[in-house]
Amino acid sequence: MNGWAKFFILLASCILTLIFWPFYNKAGLMFMGIFFAIWTCIIILCSVVVNLFALYKVEWLHRTLSIIVVLIMLASLLYCFPLADNQTPFSRLMNKQFPTAQDIEEGSKRLTFNFDFVRRNVHRDANYVNQKLNDGTDTQQEFKKIIKKQQDNFDTVVEQFKPEDK
């Protein structure tokens, strides 16, 4: 098993944990982000060590170490992921509280991209992309007033300092 396979197992296990145990809060999402970053670094380090010492040539040792790393990764995820009521997925599994179909449905809803494509499309004026903009006449009129006022002020200042003819 190479580093990419371990990385995709990590990604799948994180997503499945979020789906199977959906009763988490912001601390759970923060934990999942930090967990993902740390284990990505560990996977990279393991890949470097395997290639550095050429452990991939001893196939049984390489497979055994890969399985051990994946099992430790999954165990640490299930043992440490914070849920509501100071529980973890591991403690719920030990109490025989397995994920139900409602839990899985709720978890998939929490991770679903929810956008109403039926009511918001490119042909509606309510869509922020295709809103009709005014042609700028209001702003143009305001700028003309400001410029006119500045010109009048400048003209009065220039007229005050005119030298007198004798």
N, C-alpha and C. Protein backbone atom coordinates (compact mmCIF):
# COMPACT_ATOMS: atom_id res chain seq x y z
N MET A 1 0.86 -1.16 0.00
CA MET A 1 0.00 0.00 0.00
C MET A 1 0.91 1.24 0.00
N ASN A 2 0.72 2.08 -0.98
CA ASN A 2 1.57 3.27 -1.04
C ASN A 2 0.91 4.44 -0.29
N GLY A 3 1.59 5.57 -0.30
CA GLY A 3 1.11 6.74 0.44
C GLY A 3 -0.22 7.26 -0.06
N TRP A 4 -0.45 7.18 -1.38
CA TRP A 4 -1.71 7.67 -1.93
C TRP A 4 -2.88 6.84 -1.44
N ALA A 5 -2.69 5.53 -1.37
CA ALA A 5 -3.76 4.67 -0.88
C ALA A 5 -4.08 4.99 0.58
N LYS A 6 -3.04 5.20 1.39
CA LYS A 6 -3.26 5.57 2.79
C LYS A 6 -3.97 6.92 2.90
N PHE A 7 -3.59 7.85 2.03
CA PHE A 7 -4.22 9.17 2.03
C PHE A 7 -5.71 9.06 1.70
N PHE A 8 -6.06 8.26 0.72
CA PHE A 8 -7.47 8.13 0.36
C PHE A 8 -8.25 7.35 1.42
N ILE A 9 -7.59 6.42 2.11
CA ILE A 9 -8.24 5.75 3.24
C ILE A 9 -8.49 6.77 4.35
N LEU A 10 -7.52 7.66 4.58
CA LEU A 10 -7.70 8.72 5.58
C LEU A 10 -8.86 9.62 5.20
N LEU A 11 -8.92 10.05 3.96
CA LEU A 11 -10.00 10.92 3.49
C LEU A 11 -11.36 10.23 3.63
N ALA A 12 -11.43 8.98 3.20
CA ALA A 12 -12.69 8.24 3.28
C ALA A 12 -13.10 8.02 4.73
N SER A 13 -12.15 7.71 5.60
CA SER A 13 -12.51 7.48 7.00
C SER A 13 -12.98 8.76 7.67
N CYS A 14 -12.39 9.89 7.34
CA CYS A 14 -12.85 11.17 7.90
C CYS A 14 -14.27 11.48 7.44
N ILE A 15 -14.54 11.32 6.16
CA ILE A 15 -15.87 11.61 5.64
C ILE A 15 -16.90 10.65 6.21
N LEU A 16 -16.56 9.36 6.27
CA LEU A 16 -17.51 8.38 6.81
C LEU A 16 -17.76 8.61 8.29
N THR A 17 -16.75 9.04 9.03
CA THR A 17 -16.97 9.34 10.45
C THR A 17 -17.93 10.51 10.60
N LEU A 18 -17.77 11.53 9.76
CA LEU A 18 -18.68 12.67 9.82
C LEU A 18 -20.10 12.28 9.42
N ILE A 19 -20.24 11.29 8.55
CA ILE A 19 -21.56 10.85 8.12
C ILE A 19 -22.19 9.92 9.15
N PHE A 20 -21.42 8.96 9.67
CA PHE A 20 -21.99 7.97 10.60
C PHE A 20 -22.30 8.56 11.97
N TRP A 21 -21.53 9.54 12.42
CA TRP A 21 -21.77 10.16 13.72
C TRP A 21 -21.94 11.66 13.52
N PRO A 22 -23.14 12.11 13.12
CA PRO A 22 -23.34 13.51 12.74
C PRO A 22 -23.55 14.47 13.90
N PHE A 23 -23.54 13.99 15.13
CA PHE A 23 -23.84 14.87 16.26
C PHE A 23 -22.55 15.47 16.82
N TYR A 24 -21.94 16.31 16.02
CA TYR A 24 -20.71 17.00 16.41
C TYR A 24 -20.95 18.50 16.28
N ASN A 25 -20.06 19.27 16.85
CA ASN A 25 -20.18 20.73 16.78
C ASN A 25 -18.92 21.29 16.12
N LYS A 26 -18.65 22.56 16.34
CA LYS A 26 -17.49 23.18 15.71
C LYS A 26 -16.19 22.55 16.19
N ALA A 27 -16.17 22.11 17.44
CA ALA A 27 -14.97 21.45 17.96
C ALA A 27 -14.70 20.15 17.19
N GLY A 28 -15.76 19.47 16.80
CA GLY A 28 -15.61 18.25 16.01
C GLY A 28 -15.03 18.53 14.64
N LEU A 29 -15.50 19.61 14.01
CA LEU A 29 -14.95 19.97 12.70
C LEU A 29 -13.50 20.41 12.81
N MET A 30 -13.18 21.16 13.87
CA MET A 30 -11.80 21.59 14.07
C MET A 30 -10.91 20.37 14.32
N PHE A 31 -11.40 19.44 15.15
CA PHE A 31 -10.65 18.21 15.40
C PHE A 31 -10.40 17.48 14.09
N MET A 32 -11.43 17.38 13.25
CA MET A 32 -11.29 16.64 12.00
C MET A 32 -10.27 17.30 11.08
N GLY A 33 -10.25 18.62 11.03
CA GLY A 33 -9.26 19.31 10.21
C GLY A 33 -7.84 19.09 10.71
N ILE A 34 -7.66 19.20 12.01
CA ILE A 34 -6.32 18.98 12.59
C ILE A 34 -5.92 17.52 12.44
N PHE A 35 -6.85 16.60 12.67
CA PHE A 35 -6.59 15.17 12.52
C PHE A 35 -6.15 14.87 11.09
N PHE A 36 -6.86 15.43 10.12
CA PHE A 36 -6.53 15.20 8.72
C PHE A 36 -5.14 15.74 8.39
N ALA A 37 -4.81 16.93 8.88
CA ALA A 37 -3.51 17.52 8.59
C ALA A 37 -2.38 16.71 9.24
N ILE A 38 -2.56 16.32 10.49
CA ILE A 38 -1.51 15.57 11.18
C ILE A 38 -1.29 14.21 10.53
N TRP A 39 -2.37 13.50 10.22
CA TRP A 39 -2.19 12.19 9.62
C TRP A 39 -1.70 12.26 8.19
N THR A 40 -1.97 13.34 7.49
CA THR A 40 -1.37 13.52 6.16
C THR A 40 0.14 13.64 6.30
N CYS A 41 0.59 14.40 7.29
CA CYS A 41 2.04 14.53 7.53
C CYS A 41 2.65 13.20 7.94
N ILE A 42 1.95 12.43 8.77
CA ILE A 42 2.46 11.12 9.19
C ILE A 42 2.55 10.17 8.00
N ILE A 43 1.58 10.21 7.12
CA ILE A 43 1.60 9.36 5.92
C ILE A 43 2.78 9.74 5.04
N ILE A 44 3.02 11.03 4.87
CA ILE A 44 4.16 11.47 4.07
C ILE A 44 5.46 11.00 4.72
N LEU A 45 5.57 11.15 6.02
CA LEU A 45 6.77 10.71 6.74
C LEU A 45 6.98 9.20 6.60
N CYS A 46 5.89 8.43 6.74
CA CYS A 46 6.00 6.98 6.58
C CYS A 46 6.44 6.62 5.17
N SER A 47 5.94 7.31 4.18
CA SER A 47 6.34 7.03 2.80
C SER A 47 7.82 7.33 2.58
N VAL A 48 8.29 8.41 3.17
CA VAL A 48 9.71 8.75 3.04
C VAL A 48 10.57 7.70 3.72
N VAL A 49 10.17 7.26 4.91
CA VAL A 49 10.95 6.24 5.63
C VAL A 49 10.96 4.92 4.88
N VAL A 50 9.80 4.52 4.33
CA VAL A 50 9.73 3.28 3.57
C VAL A 50 10.64 3.35 2.35
N ASN A 51 10.64 4.47 1.67
CA ASN A 51 11.51 4.60 0.50
C ASN A 51 12.97 4.77 0.89
N LEU A 52 13.24 5.41 2.01
CA LEU A 52 14.62 5.63 2.45
C LEU A 52 15.30 4.32 2.82
N PHE A 53 14.59 3.46 3.52
CA PHE A 53 15.16 2.19 3.93
C PHE A 53 14.79 1.04 3.01
N ALA A 54 14.13 1.34 1.90
CA ALA A 54 13.73 0.35 0.89
C ALA A 54 12.92 -0.79 1.50
N LEU A 55 11.99 -0.42 2.38
CA LEU A 55 11.15 -1.43 3.00
C LEU A 55 10.14 -2.02 2.02
N TYR A 56 9.91 -1.35 0.91
CA TYR A 56 8.97 -1.86 -0.08
C TYR A 56 9.49 -3.13 -0.75
N LYS A 57 10.78 -3.40 -0.64
CA LYS A 57 11.34 -4.63 -1.21
C LYS A 57 10.98 -5.86 -0.38
N VAL A 58 10.80 -5.64 0.93
CA VAL A 58 10.35 -6.73 1.80
C VAL A 58 8.83 -6.59 1.91
N GLU A 59 8.14 -7.30 1.04
CA GLU A 59 6.71 -7.04 0.84
C GLU A 59 5.88 -7.32 2.09
N TRP A 60 6.14 -8.41 2.80
CA TRP A 60 5.35 -8.75 3.98
C TRP A 60 5.52 -7.71 5.08
N LEU A 61 6.73 -7.18 5.23
CA LEU A 61 6.98 -6.15 6.24
C LEU A 61 6.29 -4.84 5.87
N HIS A 62 6.36 -4.50 4.59
CA HIS A 62 5.74 -3.27 4.11
C HIS A 62 4.22 -3.33 4.28
N ARG A 63 3.62 -4.46 3.94
CA ARG A 63 2.17 -4.60 4.11
C ARG A 63 1.77 -4.58 5.58
N THR A 64 2.55 -5.25 6.41
CA THR A 64 2.25 -5.28 7.84
C THR A 64 2.32 -3.88 8.44
N LEU A 65 3.36 -3.12 8.09
CA LEU A 65 3.49 -1.76 8.60
C LEU A 65 2.37 -0.86 8.08
N SER A 66 1.98 -1.04 6.83
CA SER A 66 0.88 -0.24 6.26
C SER A 66 -0.43 -0.54 6.97
N ILE A 67 -0.69 -1.79 7.22
CA ILE A 67 -1.93 -2.16 7.92
C ILE A 67 -1.92 -1.62 9.34
N ILE A 68 -0.77 -1.70 10.00
CA ILE A 68 -0.67 -1.17 11.36
C ILE A 68 -0.91 0.34 11.38
N VAL A 69 -0.33 1.07 10.43
CA VAL A 69 -0.52 2.52 10.36
C VAL A 69 -1.99 2.86 10.13
N VAL A 70 -2.65 2.15 9.22
CA VAL A 70 -4.06 2.42 8.93
C VAL A 70 -4.93 2.09 10.14
N LEU A 71 -4.65 0.99 10.83
CA LEU A 71 -5.43 0.63 12.01
C LEU A 71 -5.24 1.64 13.14
N ILE A 72 -4.02 2.11 13.33
CA ILE A 72 -3.77 3.14 14.35
C ILE A 72 -4.49 4.43 13.99
N MET A 73 -4.48 4.77 12.71
CA MET A 73 -5.17 5.97 12.25
C MET A 73 -6.68 5.87 12.52
N LEU A 74 -7.28 4.75 12.16
CA LEU A 74 -8.72 4.57 12.37
C LEU A 74 -9.06 4.52 13.86
N ALA A 75 -8.23 3.84 14.65
CA ALA A 75 -8.49 3.76 16.08
C ALA A 75 -8.39 5.12 16.74
N SER A 76 -7.38 5.91 16.36
CA SER A 76 -7.26 7.25 16.96
C SER A 76 -8.41 8.15 16.55
N LEU A 77 -8.90 7.98 15.32
CA LEU A 77 -10.05 8.77 14.88
C LEU A 77 -11.29 8.42 15.69
N LEU A 78 -11.58 7.14 15.83
CA LEU A 78 -12.78 6.72 16.55
C LEU A 78 -12.66 6.95 18.06
N TYR A 79 -11.45 6.90 18.58
CA TYR A 79 -11.27 7.05 20.02
C TYR A 79 -11.29 8.51 20.45
N CYS A 80 -10.92 9.43 19.56
CA CYS A 80 -10.75 10.84 19.96
C CYS A 80 -11.76 11.80 19.36
N PHE A 81 -12.52 11.41 18.35
CA PHE A 81 -13.45 12.34 17.70
C PHE A 81 -14.53 12.77 18.69
N PRO A 82 -14.63 14.07 19.00
CA PRO A 82 -15.60 14.51 20.03
C PRO A 82 -17.02 14.60 19.48
N LEU A 83 -17.93 13.98 20.21
CA LEU A 83 -19.35 14.06 19.89
C LEU A 83 -20.06 14.81 21.02
N ALA A 84 -21.36 14.94 20.90
CA ALA A 84 -22.14 15.59 21.94
C ALA A 84 -22.10 14.74 23.22
N ASP A 85 -22.30 15.39 24.34
CA ASP A 85 -22.32 14.73 25.65
C ASP A 85 -20.99 14.09 26.01
N ASN A 86 -19.89 14.66 25.54
CA ASN A 86 -18.53 14.17 25.85
C ASN A 86 -18.36 12.70 25.52
N GLN A 87 -18.92 12.26 24.42
CA GLN A 87 -18.77 10.90 23.96
C GLN A 87 -17.90 10.88 22.73
N THR A 88 -17.45 9.69 22.38
CA THR A 88 -16.69 9.47 21.15
C THR A 88 -17.36 8.33 20.40
N PRO A 89 -17.05 8.17 19.12
CA PRO A 89 -17.61 7.02 18.40
C PRO A 89 -17.19 5.69 19.04
N PHE A 90 -15.98 5.62 19.57
CA PHE A 90 -15.52 4.39 20.22
C PHE A 90 -16.37 4.06 21.46
N SER A 91 -16.66 5.08 22.27
CA SER A 91 -17.48 4.83 23.47
C SER A 91 -18.90 4.44 23.09
N ARG A 92 -19.42 5.00 22.03
CA ARG A 92 -20.76 4.62 21.58
C ARG A 92 -20.77 3.19 21.05
N LEU A 93 -19.71 2.81 20.33
CA LEU A 93 -19.64 1.44 19.84
C LEU A 93 -19.49 0.45 20.99
N MET A 94 -18.75 0.84 22.02
CA MET A 94 -18.58 -0.05 23.18
C MET A 94 -19.89 -0.21 23.95
N ASN A 95 -20.75 0.82 23.92
CA ASN A 95 -22.07 0.75 24.56
C ASN A 95 -23.13 0.18 23.62
N LYS A 96 -22.67 -0.36 22.48
CA LYS A 96 -23.55 -0.96 21.47
C LYS A 96 -24.58 0.03 20.92
N GLN A 97 -24.15 1.28 20.76
CA GLN A 97 -24.98 2.30 20.12
C GLN A 97 -24.44 2.51 18.71
N PHE A 98 -24.85 1.66 17.80
CA PHE A 98 -24.35 1.71 16.44
C PHE A 98 -25.09 2.79 15.66
N PRO A 99 -24.47 3.32 14.59
CA PRO A 99 -25.16 4.33 13.77
C PRO A 99 -26.42 3.75 13.13
N THR A 100 -27.49 4.51 13.23
CA THR A 100 -28.75 4.08 12.64
C THR A 100 -28.90 4.70 11.25
N ALA A 101 -29.95 4.31 10.55
CA ALA A 101 -30.21 4.86 9.23
C ALA A 101 -30.51 6.36 9.32
N GLN A 102 -31.17 6.77 10.41
CA GLN A 102 -31.45 8.20 10.60
C GLN A 102 -30.16 8.98 10.83
N ASP A 103 -29.21 8.39 11.57
CA ASP A 103 -27.92 9.04 11.79
C ASP A 103 -27.18 9.23 10.46
N ILE A 104 -27.19 8.19 9.66
CA ILE A 104 -26.50 8.26 8.37
C ILE A 104 -27.18 9.28 7.46
N GLU A 105 -28.50 9.33 7.47
CA GLU A 105 -29.22 10.30 6.66
C GLU A 105 -28.93 11.73 7.13
N GLU A 106 -28.93 11.92 8.44
CA GLU A 106 -28.62 13.25 9.00
C GLU A 106 -27.19 13.66 8.68
N GLY A 107 -26.26 12.71 8.77
CA GLY A 107 -24.86 13.01 8.46
C GLY A 107 -24.65 13.35 7.00
N SER A 108 -25.35 12.65 6.13
CA SER A 108 -25.21 12.96 4.70
C SER A 108 -25.85 14.31 4.38
N LYS A 109 -26.91 14.68 5.10
CA LYS A 109 -27.51 16.00 4.89
C LYS A 109 -26.56 17.10 5.34
N ARG A 110 -25.83 16.86 6.44
CA ARG A 110 -24.91 17.87 6.94
C ARG A 110 -23.75 18.11 5.98
N LEU A 111 -23.36 17.11 5.22
CA LEU A 111 -22.23 17.25 4.30
C LEU A 111 -22.67 17.52 2.86
N THR A 112 -23.96 17.67 2.63
CA THR A 112 -24.47 17.88 1.28
C THR A 112 -24.43 19.35 0.92
N PHE A 113 -24.07 19.63 -0.32
CA PHE A 113 -24.09 20.99 -0.84
C PHE A 113 -25.54 21.31 -1.16
N ASN A 114 -26.13 22.24 -0.43
CA ASN A 114 -27.54 22.54 -0.57
C ASN A 114 -27.70 23.86 -1.32
N PHE A 115 -28.10 23.79 -2.57
CA PHE A 115 -28.33 24.98 -3.38
C PHE A 115 -29.55 24.73 -4.23
N ASP A 116 -30.45 25.65 -4.23
CA ASP A 116 -31.71 25.48 -4.95
C ASP A 116 -31.52 25.88 -6.41
N PHE A 117 -31.25 24.89 -7.26
CA PHE A 117 -31.01 25.17 -8.67
C PHE A 117 -32.32 25.41 -9.43
N VAL A 118 -33.44 25.01 -8.87
CA VAL A 118 -34.71 25.19 -9.56
C VAL A 118 -35.14 26.65 -9.51
N ARG A 119 -35.02 27.26 -8.35
CA ARG A 119 -35.51 28.62 -8.19
C ARG A 119 -34.47 29.68 -8.54
N ARG A 120 -33.20 29.33 -8.45
CA ARG A 120 -32.16 30.31 -8.75
C ARG A 120 -31.44 29.85 -10.01
N ASN A 121 -31.72 30.50 -11.11
CA ASN A 121 -31.02 30.16 -12.34
C ASN A 121 -30.55 31.44 -13.00
N VAL A 122 -29.86 31.33 -14.09
CA VAL A 122 -29.24 32.50 -14.71
C VAL A 122 -30.24 33.42 -15.38
N HIS A 123 -31.45 32.98 -15.59
CA HIS A 123 -32.42 33.80 -16.29
C HIS A 123 -33.30 34.64 -15.35
N ARG A 124 -33.11 34.52 -14.06
CA ARG A 124 -33.92 35.28 -13.11
C ARG A 124 -33.20 36.54 -12.70
N ASP A 125 -33.96 37.59 -12.48
CA ASP A 125 -33.38 38.84 -12.01
C ASP A 125 -32.95 38.75 -10.56
N ALA A 126 -33.50 37.81 -9.80
CA ALA A 126 -33.14 37.65 -8.39
C ALA A 126 -31.75 37.05 -8.23
N ASN A 127 -31.23 36.47 -9.28
CA ASN A 127 -29.90 35.89 -9.21
C ASN A 127 -28.87 37.00 -9.13
N TYR A 128 -27.94 36.87 -8.22
CA TYR A 128 -26.95 37.93 -8.03
C TYR A 128 -25.99 38.05 -9.20
N VAL A 129 -25.89 37.02 -10.03
CA VAL A 129 -24.96 37.08 -11.15
C VAL A 129 -25.54 37.94 -12.27
N ASN A 130 -26.83 37.79 -12.55
CA ASN A 130 -27.44 38.48 -13.67
C ASN A 130 -28.32 39.64 -13.25
N GLN A 131 -28.02 40.28 -12.17
CA GLN A 131 -28.82 41.44 -11.79
C GLN A 131 -28.58 42.56 -12.79
N LYS A 132 -29.66 43.24 -13.12
CA LYS A 132 -29.52 44.35 -14.05
C LYS A 132 -28.98 45.54 -13.28
N LEU A 133 -27.94 46.10 -13.80
CA LEU A 133 -27.32 47.24 -13.16
C LEU A 133 -27.82 48.51 -13.85
N ASN A 134 -27.89 49.57 -13.07
CA ASN A 134 -28.27 50.83 -13.70
C ASN A 134 -27.10 51.29 -14.56
N ASP A 135 -27.39 52.18 -15.48
CA ASP A 135 -26.35 52.59 -16.42
C ASP A 135 -25.39 53.61 -15.83
N GLY A 136 -25.48 53.87 -14.55
CA GLY A 136 -24.55 54.77 -13.89
C GLY A 136 -24.95 56.23 -13.96
N THR A 137 -26.17 56.53 -14.39
CA THR A 137 -26.57 57.93 -14.52
C THR A 137 -26.67 58.62 -13.17
N ASP A 138 -27.13 57.91 -12.15
CA ASP A 138 -27.23 58.52 -10.82
C ASP A 138 -25.85 58.90 -10.31
N THR A 139 -24.92 57.99 -10.42
CA THR A 139 -23.55 58.26 -9.96
C THR A 139 -22.91 59.35 -10.81
N GLN A 140 -23.18 59.31 -12.09
CA GLN A 140 -22.62 60.32 -12.99
C GLN A 140 -23.15 61.71 -12.62
N GLN A 141 -24.42 61.83 -12.31
CA GLN A 141 -25.00 63.11 -11.91
C GLN A 141 -24.39 63.60 -10.60
N GLU A 142 -24.18 62.67 -9.66
CA GLU A 142 -23.57 63.07 -8.39
C GLU A 142 -22.16 63.57 -8.60
N PHE A 143 -21.39 62.88 -9.43
CA PHE A 143 -20.03 63.33 -9.71
C PHE A 143 -20.01 64.68 -10.42
N LYS A 144 -20.97 64.91 -11.32
CA LYS A 144 -21.04 66.21 -12.01
C LYS A 144 -21.32 67.33 -11.01
N LYS A 145 -22.20 67.06 -10.02
CA LYS A 145 -22.48 68.08 -9.00
C LYS A 145 -21.23 68.37 -8.17
N ILE A 146 -20.52 67.33 -7.79
CA ILE A 146 -19.31 67.52 -6.99
C ILE A 146 -18.27 68.30 -7.78
N ILE A 147 -18.09 67.95 -9.05
CA ILE A 147 -17.11 68.65 -9.88
C ILE A 147 -17.52 70.10 -10.09
N LYS A 148 -18.80 70.35 -10.33
CA LYS A 148 -19.29 71.72 -10.50
C LYS A 148 -19.04 72.55 -9.25
N LYS A 149 -19.31 71.93 -8.07
CA LYS A 149 -19.10 72.62 -6.81
C LYS A 149 -17.62 72.94 -6.63
N GLN A 150 -16.75 72.00 -6.96
CA GLN A 150 -15.32 72.23 -6.83
C GLN A 150 -14.84 73.31 -7.80
N GLN A 151 -15.39 73.32 -9.01
CA GLN A 151 -15.02 74.36 -9.97
C GLN A 151 -15.48 75.73 -9.49
N ASP A 152 -16.68 75.81 -8.93
CA ASP A 152 -17.16 77.09 -8.40
C ASP A 152 -16.27 77.57 -7.26
N ASN A 153 -15.90 76.66 -6.36
CA ASN A 153 -15.00 77.04 -5.26
C ASN A 153 -13.66 77.50 -5.80
N PHE A 154 -13.13 76.82 -6.79
CA PHE A 154 -11.86 77.19 -7.37
C PHE A 154 -11.95 78.56 -8.06
N ASP A 155 -13.06 78.81 -8.77
CA ASP A 155 -13.25 80.09 -9.45
C ASP A 155 -13.32 81.23 -8.43
N THR A 156 -13.99 81.03 -7.31
CA THR A 156 -14.07 82.10 -6.32
C THR A 156 -12.72 82.36 -5.69
N VAL A 157 -11.94 81.31 -5.48
CA VAL A 157 -10.59 81.50 -4.91
C VAL A 157 -9.72 82.23 -5.90
N VAL A 158 -9.78 81.89 -7.17
CA VAL A 158 -8.96 82.53 -8.19
C VAL A 158 -9.38 83.99 -8.37
N GLU A 159 -10.67 84.29 -8.33
CA GLU A 159 -11.13 85.67 -8.49
C GLU A 159 -10.70 86.55 -7.33
N GLN A 160 -10.59 86.04 -6.16
CA GLN A 160 -10.20 86.85 -5.01
C GLN A 160 -8.77 87.32 -5.13
N PHE A 161 -7.91 86.57 -5.73
CA PHE A 161 -6.50 86.92 -5.82
C PHE A 161 -6.13 87.59 -7.14
N LYS A 162 -7.10 88.15 -7.87
CA LYS A 162 -6.84 88.83 -9.11
C LYS A 162 -6.14 90.16 -8.82
N PRO A 163 -5.09 90.44 -9.50
CA PRO A 163 -4.45 91.75 -9.28
C PRO A 163 -5.34 92.87 -9.83
N GLU A 164 -5.35 93.97 -9.14
CA GLU A 164 -6.16 95.10 -9.56
C GLU A 164 -5.46 95.88 -10.68
N ASP A 165 -6.21 96.29 -11.66
CA ASP A 165 -5.66 97.10 -12.76
C ASP A 165 -5.67 98.56 -12.37
N LYS A 166 -4.58 99.31 -12.65
CA LYS A 166 -4.51 100.72 -12.33
C LYS A 166 -4.51 101.55 -13.52
